Protein backbone atom coordinates (compact mmCIF):
# COMPACT_ATOMS: atom_id res chain seq x y z
CA MET A 1 92.49 124.24 97.20
CA ASN A 2 96.40 123.26 97.35
CA ALA A 3 98.24 121.97 95.55
CA HIS A 4 98.42 118.00 97.17
CA ALA A 5 94.69 118.03 97.39
CA ARG A 6 94.73 118.72 93.49
CA GLU A 7 97.16 116.14 93.05
CA ILE A 8 94.57 114.21 95.13
CA LEU A 9 91.70 114.84 93.08
CA GLN A 10 93.13 114.52 89.42
CA LEU A 11 94.11 110.84 90.74
CA ALA A 12 91.09 109.92 92.21
CA LEU A 13 88.17 111.05 89.49
CA PRO A 14 89.57 108.58 86.57
CA SER A 15 89.84 106.06 89.60
CA ILE A 16 86.28 106.53 90.64
CA VAL A 17 85.03 106.60 87.05
CA SER A 18 86.66 103.43 86.34
CA ASN A 19 85.23 101.76 89.47
CA ILE A 20 81.67 102.54 88.58
CA THR A 21 81.94 100.82 84.92
CA VAL A 22 82.15 97.66 86.91
CA PRO A 23 78.47 97.61 88.40
CA LEU A 24 77.07 99.04 85.22
CA LEU A 25 78.59 95.92 82.99
CA GLY A 26 77.28 93.79 84.86
CA LEU A 27 73.90 95.28 84.84
CA ALA A 28 74.16 95.12 81.06
CA ASP A 29 74.85 91.09 81.09
CA VAL A 30 71.78 90.71 83.27
CA ALA A 31 69.79 92.82 80.89
CA ILE A 32 71.15 90.80 78.08
CA MET A 33 69.69 87.28 79.76
CA GLY A 34 67.11 88.93 81.20
CA HIS A 35 65.56 89.51 77.05
CA ILE A 36 65.91 85.74 76.54
CA GLY A 37 62.77 85.47 78.66
CA ASN A 38 64.16 82.57 81.38
CA ALA A 39 65.23 83.88 84.77
CA ARG A 40 67.97 80.68 85.05
CA TYR A 41 69.91 82.28 82.24
CA ILE A 42 70.03 85.26 84.92
CA GLY A 43 70.79 83.33 87.56
CA ALA A 44 73.44 81.54 85.96
CA ILE A 45 74.92 85.48 85.01
CA ALA A 46 74.58 86.15 88.31
CA VAL A 47 76.80 82.86 89.58
CA GLY A 48 79.55 82.59 87.29
CA SER A 49 80.16 86.41 87.51
CA MET A 50 79.97 85.75 91.76
CA ILE A 51 82.46 82.67 91.12
CA PHE A 52 85.02 84.62 89.19
CA ASN A 53 84.68 88.05 91.28
CA VAL A 54 85.91 85.69 94.48
CA ILE A 55 88.91 84.38 91.97
CA TYR A 56 89.78 87.47 91.29
CA TRP A 57 89.10 89.21 94.47
CA LEU A 58 91.51 86.98 96.24
CA PHE A 59 94.30 88.08 93.75
CA GLY A 60 93.79 91.70 94.28
CA PHE A 61 96.95 92.05 95.82
CA LEU A 62 98.71 91.71 92.67
CA ARG A 63 97.36 95.32 92.00
CA MET A 64 98.06 96.50 95.59
CA GLY A 65 101.53 95.41 95.55
CA THR A 66 102.51 96.67 92.31
CA SER A 67 101.20 100.06 92.94
CA GLY A 68 103.11 100.91 96.42
CA LEU A 69 106.55 98.79 95.79
CA THR A 70 105.89 101.07 91.81
CA ALA A 71 105.02 104.00 93.36
CA GLN A 72 108.19 104.28 95.77
CA ALA A 73 110.33 103.42 93.07
CA TYR A 74 108.78 106.19 91.15
CA GLY A 75 109.67 108.80 93.67
CA ALA A 76 113.19 107.68 94.38
CA ARG A 77 113.38 108.23 90.72
CA GLN A 78 114.78 104.29 89.50
CA PRO A 79 113.13 103.75 86.06
CA ASN A 80 114.53 100.73 85.97
CA GLU A 81 113.13 99.21 89.29
CA THR A 82 109.65 100.55 87.92
CA ALA A 83 110.48 98.36 85.08
CA SER A 84 111.22 95.30 87.18
CA VAL A 85 108.10 95.73 89.51
CA LEU A 86 106.29 95.64 86.67
CA ARG A 87 107.67 92.46 85.12
CA ARG A 88 108.12 90.45 88.32
CA SER A 89 103.65 91.35 88.76
CA LEU A 90 103.09 90.29 85.45
CA THR A 91 105.21 87.17 85.70
CA VAL A 92 103.38 86.08 88.76
CA ALA A 93 100.18 87.09 87.41
CA LEU A 94 100.41 85.18 84.09
CA SER A 95 101.91 82.28 86.10
CA ALA A 96 98.80 82.19 88.46
CA GLY A 97 96.28 82.36 85.66
CA VAL A 98 97.97 79.31 83.76
CA LEU A 99 97.36 77.59 87.17
CA ILE A 100 94.31 78.61 87.18
CA LEU A 101 93.62 76.90 83.72
CA LEU A 102 95.27 73.81 84.57
CA PHE A 103 93.11 73.43 87.36
CA GLN A 104 89.78 74.85 86.31
CA TRP A 105 87.99 71.33 86.53
CA PRO A 106 88.45 70.54 90.04
CA ILE A 107 87.84 74.85 90.49
CA ARG A 108 84.66 74.73 89.33
CA LEU A 109 83.60 71.25 90.84
CA LEU A 110 84.28 73.38 93.79
CA ALA A 111 82.67 76.24 93.64
CA LEU A 112 79.72 74.80 92.37
CA TRP A 113 79.37 72.23 95.44
CA LEU A 114 79.55 75.33 97.47
CA MET A 115 77.17 77.14 95.78
CA ARG A 116 74.45 74.26 95.95
CA LEU A 117 72.82 75.12 92.82
CA SER A 118 70.00 73.58 91.06
CA GLN A 119 70.30 71.26 88.68
CA ASP A 120 69.43 73.52 86.14
CA VAL A 121 71.39 76.60 86.96
CA ALA A 122 74.38 74.48 87.24
CA LEU A 123 74.22 73.35 83.90
CA LEU A 124 74.15 77.39 82.47
CA VAL A 125 76.70 78.05 84.86
CA THR A 126 79.12 75.07 83.81
CA PRO A 127 79.58 76.61 80.20
CA TYR A 128 79.68 80.02 81.55
CA PHE A 129 82.72 79.09 83.57
CA ASN A 130 84.42 77.03 80.72
CA ILE A 131 84.88 80.04 78.85
CA CYS A 132 85.37 82.43 81.41
CA VAL A 133 88.11 80.74 82.98
CA TRP A 134 90.93 81.39 79.76
CA GLY A 135 90.25 85.12 80.67
CA ALA A 136 91.84 84.41 83.92
CA PRO A 137 95.10 85.47 82.67
CA ALA A 138 94.54 88.55 80.98
CA MET A 139 92.47 89.77 84.07
CA LEU A 140 95.03 89.43 86.52
CA GLY A 141 97.25 90.74 84.13
CA LEU A 142 95.14 93.87 84.17
CA TYR A 143 95.83 93.65 88.03
CA ALA A 144 99.07 94.09 87.27
CA LEU A 145 99.24 96.24 84.44
CA THR A 146 96.72 98.31 86.62
CA GLY A 147 98.59 98.50 90.08
CA TRP A 148 101.62 99.78 88.12
CA PHE A 149 100.17 102.58 86.40
CA VAL A 150 98.49 104.27 89.32
CA GLY A 151 102.26 103.85 90.95
CA MET A 152 103.28 105.76 88.05
CA GLN A 153 101.22 108.52 89.04
CA ASN A 154 98.66 107.75 86.27
CA THR A 155 94.99 106.70 86.80
CA ARG A 156 94.02 107.86 83.68
CA ILE A 157 94.86 104.90 81.51
CA PRO A 158 93.30 102.53 83.46
CA MET A 159 90.17 104.95 83.41
CA VAL A 160 90.08 104.61 79.28
CA VAL A 161 91.45 100.84 78.94
CA ALA A 162 87.84 99.98 81.71
CA ILE A 163 85.91 102.06 79.43
CA GLY A 164 86.90 101.17 76.25
CA GLN A 165 87.10 97.20 77.75
CA ASN A 166 83.64 97.29 79.16
CA ILE A 167 81.96 98.94 76.08
CA LEU A 168 83.40 96.17 73.53
CA ASN A 169 82.47 93.25 76.21
CA ILE A 170 78.70 94.90 76.10
CA MET A 171 78.88 95.19 71.73
CA ALA A 172 80.05 91.43 71.89
CA SER A 173 77.69 89.84 74.09
CA VAL A 174 74.87 91.64 72.42
CA ALA A 175 76.32 90.47 69.19
CA PHE A 176 77.01 86.64 70.15
CA VAL A 177 73.57 86.71 71.84
CA PHE A 178 71.29 88.58 69.32
CA ALA A 179 72.81 88.50 65.86
CA LEU A 180 74.50 85.27 66.59
CA GLY A 181 72.10 83.12 68.79
CA MET A 182 74.12 81.93 71.24
CA GLN A 183 72.74 81.78 75.25
CA VAL A 184 75.04 82.24 78.25
CA GLU A 185 77.69 81.10 75.90
CA GLY A 186 77.53 84.63 74.08
CA VAL A 187 78.07 87.10 77.23
CA ALA A 188 80.34 84.60 78.25
CA LEU A 189 82.43 85.30 75.49
CA GLY A 190 81.97 88.61 74.95
CA THR A 191 83.71 88.64 78.53
CA VAL A 192 86.84 86.74 77.26
CA LEU A 193 87.53 89.11 74.33
CA ALA A 194 87.30 92.22 76.11
CA GLN A 195 89.47 91.08 78.92
CA TRP A 196 92.32 89.96 76.43
CA ALA A 197 91.66 93.42 74.71
CA GLY A 198 92.13 95.53 77.93
CA PHE A 199 95.15 93.39 78.37
CA ILE A 200 96.62 93.85 75.12
CA ALA A 201 95.83 97.67 75.02
CA ALA A 202 97.22 98.01 78.63
CA LEU A 203 100.40 96.35 78.04
CA LEU A 204 100.94 98.41 74.25
CA LEU A 205 100.34 101.90 76.72
CA ALA A 206 102.77 100.29 79.60
CA GLY A 207 105.77 99.78 76.92
CA LYS A 208 105.42 103.90 75.89
CA LEU A 209 105.24 104.93 79.14
CA LEU A 210 109.14 103.81 80.00
CA PRO A 211 112.08 104.26 77.94
CA GLN A 212 112.43 100.92 76.05
CA ARG A 213 115.68 100.26 77.45
CA THR A 214 114.26 99.86 80.87
CA LEU A 215 111.89 97.51 79.91
CA LEU A 216 114.61 95.39 77.91
CA LEU A 217 116.78 94.51 80.73
CA LYS A 218 116.74 91.79 83.08
CA THR A 219 115.24 91.22 86.39
CA HIS A 220 117.32 90.17 89.26
CA GLY A 221 115.93 88.98 92.25
CA GLY A 222 113.87 91.33 94.37
CA TYR A 223 110.63 88.71 94.43
CA GLY A 224 111.57 88.13 98.25
CA ARG A 225 110.00 92.10 99.02
CA PHE A 226 107.48 91.44 96.54
CA PHE A 227 105.93 88.48 98.06
CA ARG A 228 106.32 89.34 101.07
CA VAL A 229 104.13 92.81 100.69
CA ASN A 230 101.83 90.87 98.58
CA ARG A 231 101.33 87.79 101.37
CA ASP A 232 100.42 90.23 103.78
CA ILE A 233 97.68 91.43 101.50
CA PHE A 234 96.69 88.05 100.28
CA LEU A 235 95.82 87.61 104.34
CA ARG A 236 94.13 90.81 104.93
CA THR A 237 91.85 90.35 101.52
CA LEU A 238 91.06 87.28 103.38
CA CYS A 239 89.53 88.46 106.30
CA LEU A 240 87.89 91.16 103.99
CA VAL A 241 86.18 88.34 102.16
CA THR A 242 85.43 86.03 105.04
CA VAL A 243 83.29 88.95 106.56
CA ASN A 244 81.55 89.88 103.20
CA PHE A 245 80.59 85.81 102.89
CA TYR A 246 79.64 85.72 106.48
CA PHE A 247 77.53 88.23 106.67
CA THR A 248 75.50 87.31 103.15
CA SER A 249 75.40 83.51 105.62
CA ALA A 250 73.90 85.21 108.12
CA GLY A 251 71.69 87.23 106.45
CA ALA A 252 70.32 84.41 104.55
CA ALA A 253 70.12 82.21 107.85
CA GLN A 254 67.49 84.73 109.14
CA GLY A 255 65.25 83.92 106.09
CA ALA A 256 64.65 85.14 102.47
CA MET A 257 63.16 88.53 103.97
CA THR A 258 66.53 89.68 105.74
CA LEU A 259 68.70 88.44 102.84
CA ALA A 260 66.64 90.60 100.63
CA VAL A 261 67.01 93.93 103.03
CA ASN A 262 70.58 93.56 103.41
CA THR A 263 71.22 92.90 99.93
CA LEU A 264 69.49 96.61 99.03
CA LEU A 265 71.41 98.22 101.82
CA MET A 266 74.78 97.00 101.24
CA GLN A 267 74.05 98.47 97.72
CA PHE A 268 74.74 102.00 99.55
CA PHE A 269 77.67 100.55 100.92
CA LEU A 270 78.89 99.82 97.43
CA LEU A 271 78.62 103.24 96.37
CA PHE A 272 80.08 104.70 99.36
CA SER A 273 83.13 102.79 98.74
CA TYR A 274 83.78 103.19 94.76
CA PHE A 275 83.66 106.87 95.47
CA LEU A 276 86.55 106.35 98.15
CA ASP A 277 88.58 103.66 96.80
CA GLY A 278 88.95 106.34 94.05
CA PHE A 279 91.00 108.39 96.72
CA ALA A 280 92.28 105.22 98.48
CA TYR A 281 94.45 104.71 95.05
CA ALA A 282 95.56 108.28 95.07
CA GLY A 283 96.68 107.48 98.43
CA GLU A 284 98.35 104.89 96.70
CA ALA A 285 99.93 106.88 94.22
CA LEU A 286 101.07 109.76 96.45
CA SER A 287 102.25 108.48 99.64
CA GLY A 288 104.18 106.03 98.18
CA ARG A 289 105.87 108.48 95.63
CA TYR A 290 106.87 110.56 98.48
CA TYR A 291 107.70 108.17 100.80
CA GLY A 292 110.48 106.56 97.92
CA ALA A 293 111.49 110.00 97.53
CA GLY A 294 112.32 110.57 101.46
CA ASN A 295 110.43 113.90 101.78
CA ARG A 296 108.23 113.06 104.81
CA ARG A 297 106.89 116.65 104.78
CA ALA A 298 105.52 116.06 101.08
CA LEU A 299 104.09 112.89 102.72
CA SER A 300 102.32 114.11 105.59
CA HIS A 301 100.50 116.82 103.62
CA VAL A 302 98.90 114.59 101.58
CA VAL A 303 97.90 112.16 104.65
CA SER A 304 96.01 115.39 105.42
CA SER A 305 94.60 116.38 102.50
CA LEU A 306 93.12 112.75 101.98
CA PHE A 307 91.84 112.86 104.95
CA GLY A 308 90.22 116.33 104.42
CA TRP A 309 88.69 115.33 100.94
CA GLY A 310 87.52 111.92 103.13
CA ALA A 311 85.99 114.24 105.54
CA LEU A 312 84.26 116.25 102.75
CA MET A 313 83.11 112.48 101.19
CA VAL A 314 81.73 111.89 104.44
CA VAL A 315 79.77 114.50 105.10
CA LEU A 316 78.27 114.49 101.23
CA PHE A 317 77.19 110.85 101.67
CA THR A 318 75.63 111.40 104.77
CA LEU A 319 73.30 114.06 103.51
CA ILE A 320 72.66 111.99 100.25
CA TYR A 321 71.72 108.72 102.05
CA TRP A 322 69.57 111.12 104.90
CA LEU A 323 67.73 113.07 102.63
CA GLY A 324 67.07 110.35 99.62
CA GLY A 325 66.32 107.14 101.98
CA SER A 326 63.15 106.22 101.23
CA THR A 327 63.11 107.28 97.20
CA PHE A 328 66.60 105.35 97.15
CA LEU A 329 65.05 102.19 98.13
CA GLN A 330 61.98 102.56 95.91
CA LEU A 331 64.64 102.96 92.89
CA LEU A 332 66.70 99.89 94.17
CA THR A 333 63.00 97.68 94.39
CA SER A 334 59.28 97.61 93.90
CA ASP A 335 58.46 95.52 96.00
CA ARG A 336 57.12 97.57 99.25
CA SER A 337 57.11 94.66 101.89
CA VAL A 338 61.34 94.42 101.28
CA THR A 339 61.21 98.72 101.31
CA ALA A 340 59.27 98.44 104.34
CA ALA A 341 61.95 95.98 105.84
CA ALA A 342 64.54 97.85 104.68
CA SER A 343 63.68 101.01 106.49
CA HIS A 344 63.93 99.35 110.09
CA TYR A 345 67.62 99.03 109.31
CA TYR A 346 68.07 102.06 107.56
CA ASN A 347 69.74 103.67 110.38
CA TRP A 348 73.07 101.80 110.17
CA VAL A 349 73.11 102.98 106.46
CA LEU A 350 73.64 106.47 107.88
CA LEU A 351 76.64 105.63 109.70
CA ILE A 352 78.70 103.93 106.65
CA PRO A 353 80.62 107.07 105.79
CA ILE A 354 81.98 107.86 109.08
CA CYS A 355 82.68 104.03 109.98
CA GLY A 356 84.17 103.23 106.82
CA VAL A 357 85.72 106.56 105.53
CA ALA A 358 89.57 106.35 108.22
CA ALA A 359 89.93 102.30 106.42
CA PHE A 360 89.75 103.31 103.21
CA VAL A 361 91.70 106.10 103.07
CA TRP A 362 94.26 104.06 105.46
CA ASP A 363 94.19 101.58 103.25
CA GLY A 364 95.43 103.50 100.64
CA ILE A 365 98.28 104.94 102.29
CA TYR A 366 99.32 102.19 104.09
CA ILE A 367 99.92 100.42 100.47
CA GLY A 368 101.68 103.06 99.61
CA LEU A 369 104.22 102.79 102.14
CA THR A 370 104.12 99.02 101.46
CA ALA A 371 103.12 98.97 105.56
CA THR A 372 101.27 95.75 104.63
CA ARG A 373 101.97 94.41 107.88
CA GLY A 374 100.11 97.18 109.77
CA MET A 375 96.96 95.96 107.44
CA LEU A 376 97.15 92.54 107.94
CA TRP A 377 96.79 93.36 112.16
CA ALA A 378 94.26 95.64 111.53
CA SER A 379 91.72 93.82 109.35
CA PHE A 380 92.58 90.60 111.67
CA LEU A 381 92.13 92.49 114.79
CA ALA A 382 88.37 93.44 113.22
CA LEU A 383 87.38 90.42 112.34
CA VAL A 384 87.59 88.89 115.67
CA VAL A 385 85.77 92.32 116.82
CA PHE A 386 83.34 91.36 114.17
CA PHE A 387 82.56 87.63 115.27
CA ALA A 388 82.53 88.62 119.07
CA VAL A 389 80.14 90.95 118.22
CA TRP A 390 77.76 89.29 116.45
CA TRP A 391 77.70 86.32 118.56
CA SER A 392 77.03 88.00 121.74
CA LEU A 393 74.61 90.30 120.66
CA ALA A 394 72.78 88.04 117.57
CA PRO A 395 70.44 86.83 120.11
CA VAL A 396 69.26 90.07 121.48
CA TRP A 397 69.15 92.13 118.62
CA GLY A 398 69.34 89.81 115.26
CA ASN A 399 69.83 91.28 112.22
CA HIS A 400 70.70 94.60 113.81
CA ALA A 401 73.50 92.68 115.53
CA LEU A 402 74.80 91.65 111.98
CA TRP A 403 74.91 95.76 111.11
CA LEU A 404 76.56 96.67 114.22
CA ALA A 405 79.34 93.99 113.84
CA LEU A 406 79.94 95.05 110.02
CA LEU A 407 80.38 98.76 111.22
CA LEU A 408 82.17 97.87 113.87
CA PHE A 409 84.67 95.79 111.47
CA LEU A 410 85.09 98.97 109.62
CA ALA A 411 85.73 101.31 112.55
CA VAL A 412 88.28 99.14 114.01
CA ARG A 413 90.11 99.06 111.25
CA GLY A 414 90.38 102.54 110.49
CA VAL A 415 91.05 102.91 114.17
CA VAL A 416 94.03 100.15 114.45
CA GLN A 417 95.61 101.87 111.47
CA THR A 418 95.32 105.55 112.90
CA LEU A 419 97.10 104.24 116.40
CA LEU A 420 100.13 102.79 114.19
CA PHE A 421 100.66 105.35 112.08
CA ARG A 422 100.82 107.54 114.89
CA PHE A 423 103.17 105.57 117.58
CA ARG A 424 104.91 103.64 114.82
CA PRO A 425 107.78 104.81 113.13
CA LEU A 426 106.83 104.19 109.42
CA GLU A 427 109.70 101.90 108.83
CA LYS A 428 108.13 99.85 111.55
CA LEU A 429 104.49 99.57 109.96
């Protein structure tokens, strides 16, 4: 294993661990509500969590843009600029969090209207939302800090913060619900408490990572490039959100069984993404670092090593999915009718790794290079392909057309970014 491959693994593993804690926390929240004995509570937690996941996903540019800009400043050995990037990102993050607080009432009404919930579930989602919304500044601030740590070539601190935050969340939620007799509000309070604790801990750790004098420097300008980079990432994220939501909606329109099948099979995509995102984070850190340092040779080696790890992940996950197909389906659900229906579409799952690997790896590299316009164009073209394939083949292939469209969406993103990287100068990506 060469030096760059080791660097990638050292950065990727903590990020993978951090990613895996996310679904475990969601399962814990559902389990806590499940022991109250009313399905409405489980539904309220699921819906409330989804609302905030969508909101925070749209602000994912705070992490990605900060990561690339910080990595480049780090590679160029500009500690003052790394501190300035952090200050700008935190300013934008906390300002956005305050705006969410100010407009929480219309945001909640719009979310509930779009979800078209039954009255009893909506009544439970409302207090959950009203409490969890106060964690918005902390969560967006954590996005900025996480991106900054990645850019500083440090993925261990975000991992430790994520693990500590999730443990505190579970402990607090259990205490509020079972010791104090609270219901949905208890889980919401546990979430907010953990979010603010994680933000404060990350902020204190960031303060120790840079010399104190750089933290005290005032940030003059620099917002133009910051907003240009993040604008492209935001629009690219909208493309991804559109496809994911339409995929769910189109599955639901085909009936409850198809919706259940697609939800089940998407877990295989999510599992693969948790691992590949770890390597994408490593790509952000290292490609930005070497690009900022002007070391094109090291950058080329990093790109090759990232795709080497990506190829290994493709082989590994394809084998796992191929050998353990029926077993995995039975672990996810005991409903034989759902597993039987899912088996008809399982071959699409086997294609997820090969179709998705390039998109994940290139996203990390492009973020590190702050080549966000290339990411946007790739996602937009892939979006067009997704809808063209679905609308043309849906009458004939039904749900198979939907899965083909999704896999082509992933593949086209990877192909377009490959061509751009190969045939355009880095400065024009």
